[in-house]
Protein backbone atom coordinates (compact mmCIF):
# COMPACT_ATOMS: atom_id res chain seq x y z
CA MET A 1 -5.03 8.77 -3.10
CA LYS A 2 -5.45 10.87 -6.23
CA THR A 3 -5.84 9.25 -9.61
CA ARG A 4 -7.16 10.41 -12.95
CA ASN A 5 -9.24 7.33 -13.57
CA PRO A 6 -12.37 7.25 -11.38
CA GLN A 7 -12.97 3.53 -12.07
CA TRP A 8 -9.43 2.68 -10.93
CA ALA A 9 -9.93 4.84 -7.84
CA ALA A 10 -13.21 3.09 -7.00
CA ASN A 11 -11.66 -0.36 -7.34
CA LEU A 12 -8.63 0.68 -5.32
CA ALA A 13 -10.96 1.99 -2.59
CA ALA A 14 -12.83 -1.33 -2.64
CA ALA A 15 -9.55 -3.25 -2.41
CA THR A 16 -8.43 -1.06 0.49
CA GLN A 17 -11.73 -1.59 2.29
CA TYR A 18 -11.50 -5.37 1.76
CA TYR A 19 -7.90 -5.46 2.97
CA GLU A 20 -8.70 -3.44 6.09
CA ARG A 21 -11.57 -5.79 6.93
CA GLU A 22 -10.03 -9.15 5.96
CA GLY A 23 -6.29 -8.51 6.43
CA HIS A 24 -5.36 -9.83 2.97
CA LEU A 25 -6.10 -9.43 -0.74
CA ARG A 26 -6.70 -13.09 -1.56
CA VAL A 27 -10.09 -12.12 -2.92
CA PRO A 28 -12.28 -14.92 -4.30
CA ARG A 29 -12.73 -14.43 -8.06
CA LYS A 30 -16.51 -13.99 -7.78
CA HIS A 31 -16.42 -11.62 -4.79
CA VAL A 32 -18.42 -8.40 -5.08
CA GLU A 33 -17.45 -5.55 -2.73
CA ARG A 34 -19.90 -2.80 -1.80
CA ILE A 35 -18.46 0.67 -1.37
CA VAL A 36 -19.94 4.12 -0.84
CA GLY A 37 -18.39 6.57 -3.29
CA GLU A 38 -17.55 10.22 -2.76
CA ASP A 39 -21.00 11.00 -4.15
CA GLN A 40 -22.49 8.89 -1.30
CA GLU A 41 -23.84 6.40 -3.84
CA GLU A 42 -23.45 2.74 -2.91
CA ARG A 43 -21.76 0.72 -5.64
CA GLU A 44 -21.06 -2.95 -6.13
CA LEU A 45 -17.70 -3.71 -7.69
CA ARG A 46 -16.51 -7.09 -8.96
CA LEU A 47 -13.41 -6.87 -6.80
CA GLY A 48 -12.31 -10.49 -7.15
CA ALA A 49 -12.18 -10.28 -10.94
CA TRP A 50 -10.47 -6.87 -10.80
CA ILE A 51 -7.75 -8.09 -8.40
CA GLY A 52 -7.12 -11.12 -10.62
CA ASN A 53 -6.88 -8.89 -13.67
CA GLN A 54 -4.39 -6.56 -11.98
CA ARG A 55 -2.20 -9.53 -11.03
CA SER A 56 -2.23 -10.86 -14.60
CA ARG A 57 -1.44 -7.40 -16.00
CA ALA A 58 1.21 -6.48 -13.44
CA ALA A 59 3.89 -5.97 -16.09
CA ALA A 60 1.69 -3.48 -17.94
CA LEU A 61 0.62 -1.45 -14.88
CA SER A 62 2.26 1.87 -14.19
CA PRO A 63 4.78 1.86 -11.31
CA GLU A 64 2.41 4.18 -9.42
CA ARG A 65 -0.45 1.67 -9.63
CA VAL A 66 1.79 -1.24 -8.66
CA GLU A 67 2.95 0.81 -5.67
CA GLN A 68 -0.64 1.69 -4.68
CA LEU A 69 -1.67 -1.97 -4.71
CA SER A 70 1.52 -3.15 -2.99
CA ALA A 71 0.92 -0.58 -0.23
CA ILE A 72 -2.35 -2.33 0.70
CA GLY A 73 -0.93 -5.83 0.73
CA MET A 74 -1.15 -7.03 -2.87
CA ARG A 75 0.80 -10.22 -3.50
CA TRP A 76 1.81 -10.39 -7.14
CA ALA A 77 2.40 -14.13 -7.46
């Protein structure tokens, strides 16, 4: 999962982790997901807000990003 934007990559990793644990991406808006980055630092990401933002910006996302999110169960509507 290579991407040029480290913040996007971190949020995508958090979304993947959430999906693998919960089986869906219906993330509550206020949900914060903890991930351990490649640098072994624990980070807290506002995943619920990020998922909501991606849904609302779907038309502006690159096809690659739409595909990455769709691959982990993103529902766009």
